Amino acid sequence: MFLGEDLLAWLVLALGGALFVGNLMAVVKPPERKRSDADLDRAPVFRSLAMGLVGLVAALWALASLL
């Protein structure tokens, strides 16, 4: 198979990890300045934590598949 047998698991691990870390950082440390008037002061906490949880589940599932 092109690029290995476990390509899909590696991609899910990378995307799930990025989703988890990105949403967690949006809640913990929001940007210091707004780029435009349409930007929010803070990230929506519930939505960010829910999407972070989805990313964590995906990353853990992919890691379990690889091991």
C-alpha atoms as a PDB file:
ATOM      1  CA  MET A   1       0.000   0.000   0.000  1.00  0.00           C
ATOM      2  CA  PHE A   2       1.164   3.530  -0.749  1.00  0.00           C
ATOM      3  CA  LEU A   3       2.763   5.191   2.325  1.00  0.00           C
ATOM      4  CA  GLY A   4       2.282   2.178   4.591  1.00  0.00           C
ATOM      5  CA  GLU A   5      -0.442   0.013   5.975  1.00  0.00           C
ATOM      6  CA  ASP A   6      -1.363   2.337   8.856  1.00  0.00           C
ATOM      7  CA  LEU A   7      -1.648   5.633   6.992  1.00  0.00           C
ATOM      8  CA  LEU A   8      -5.246   6.272   8.018  1.00  0.00           C
ATOM      9  CA  ALA A   9      -4.503   5.661  11.696  1.00  0.00           C
ATOM     10  CA  TRP A  10      -1.531   8.048  11.575  1.00  0.00           C
ATOM     11  CA  LEU A  11      -3.653  10.727   9.898  1.00  0.00           C
ATOM     12  CA  VAL A  12      -6.441  10.354  12.461  1.00  0.00           C
ATOM     13  CA  LEU A  13      -3.858  10.559  15.258  1.00  0.00           C
ATOM     14  CA  ALA A  14      -2.389  13.762  13.830  1.00  0.00           C
ATOM     15  CA  LEU A  15      -5.739  15.439  13.160  1.00  0.00           C
ATOM     16  CA  GLY A  16      -7.246  14.358  16.481  1.00  0.00           C
ATOM     17  CA  GLY A  17      -4.212  15.599  18.389  1.00  0.00           C
ATOM     18  CA  ALA A  18      -4.267  18.924  16.561  1.00  0.00           C
ATOM     19  CA  LEU A  19      -7.997  19.310  17.197  1.00  0.00           C
ATOM     20  CA  PHE A  20      -7.524  18.599  20.896  1.00  0.00           C
ATOM     21  CA  VAL A  21      -4.525  20.892  21.417  1.00  0.00           C
ATOM     22  CA  GLY A  22      -5.889  23.721  19.271  1.00  0.00           C
ATOM     23  CA  ASN A  23      -9.228  23.890  21.039  1.00  0.00           C
ATOM     24  CA  LEU A  24      -7.650  23.535  24.464  1.00  0.00           C
ATOM     25  CA  MET A  25      -5.252  26.402  23.748  1.00  0.00           C
ATOM     26  CA  ALA A  26      -8.114  28.563  22.462  1.00  0.00           C
ATOM     27  CA  VAL A  27      -9.774  28.249  25.877  1.00  0.00           C
ATOM     28  CA  VAL A  28      -6.644  28.466  28.028  1.00  0.00           C
ATOM     29  CA  LYS A  29      -4.810  31.260  26.200  1.00  0.00           C
ATOM     30  CA  PRO A  30      -6.940  33.289  23.797  1.00  0.00           C
ATOM     31  CA  PRO A  31      -5.248  35.658  21.327  1.00  0.00           C
ATOM     32  CA  GLU A  32      -3.970  38.866  22.892  1.00  0.00           C
ATOM     33  CA  ARG A  33      -5.425  41.159  20.235  1.00  0.00           C
ATOM     34  CA  LYS A  34      -8.308  41.017  17.817  1.00  0.00           C
ATOM     35  CA  ARG A  35      -7.569  41.063  14.096  1.00  0.00           C
ATOM     36  CA  SER A  36     -10.930  42.533  13.160  1.00  0.00           C
ATOM     37  CA  ASP A  37     -14.195  43.618  14.725  1.00  0.00           C
ATOM     38  CA  ALA A  38     -15.793  40.287  13.770  1.00  0.00           C
ATOM     39  CA  ASP A  39     -13.424  38.303  16.040  1.00  0.00           C
ATOM     40  CA  LEU A  40     -14.654  37.215  19.440  1.00  0.00           C
ATOM     41  CA  ASP A  41     -12.925  38.229  22.689  1.00  0.00           C
ATOM     42  CA  ARG A  42     -12.884  34.603  23.857  1.00  0.00           C
ATOM     43  CA  ALA A  43     -13.550  31.254  22.271  1.00  0.00           C
ATOM     44  CA  PRO A  44     -16.931  29.686  23.073  1.00  0.00           C
ATOM     45  CA  VAL A  45     -15.972  27.512  26.039  1.00  0.00           C
ATOM     46  CA  PHE A  46     -18.520  24.699  25.741  1.00  0.00           C
ATOM     47  CA  ARG A  47     -18.064  24.278  21.995  1.00  0.00           C
ATOM     48  CA  SER A  48     -14.266  24.373  22.276  1.00  0.00           C
ATOM     49  CA  LEU A  49     -14.219  21.798  25.061  1.00  0.00           C
ATOM     50  CA  ALA A  50     -16.650  19.551  23.181  1.00  0.00           C
ATOM     51  CA  MET A  51     -14.540  19.686  20.013  1.00  0.00           C
ATOM     52  CA  GLY A  52     -11.399  19.115  22.082  1.00  0.00           C
ATOM     53  CA  LEU A  53     -13.015  16.024  23.569  1.00  0.00           C
ATOM     54  CA  VAL A  54     -13.832  14.751  20.063  1.00  0.00           C
ATOM     55  CA  GLY A  55     -10.191  15.276  19.077  1.00  0.00           C
ATOM     56  CA  LEU A  56      -8.952  13.491  22.193  1.00  0.00           C
ATOM     57  CA  VAL A  57     -11.201  10.487  21.545  1.00  0.00           C
ATOM     58  CA  ALA A  58     -10.047  10.315  17.926  1.00  0.00           C
ATOM     59  CA  ALA A  59      -6.380  10.540  18.911  1.00  0.00           C
ATOM     60  CA  LEU A  60      -6.708   7.889  21.613  1.00  0.00           C
ATOM     61  CA  TRP A  61      -8.615   5.583  19.268  1.00  0.00           C
ATOM     62  CA  ALA A  62      -5.940   5.986  16.595  1.00  0.00           C
ATOM     63  CA  LEU A  63      -3.187   5.366  19.134  1.00  0.00           C
ATOM     64  CA  ALA A  64      -4.932   2.217  20.335  1.00  0.00           C
ATOM     65  CA  SER A  65      -5.255   1.056  16.711  1.00  0.00           C
ATOM     66  CA  LEU A  66      -1.558   1.571  16.110  1.00  0.00           C
ATOM     67  CA  LEU A  67      -0.523  -0.283  19.264  1.00  0.00           C
END
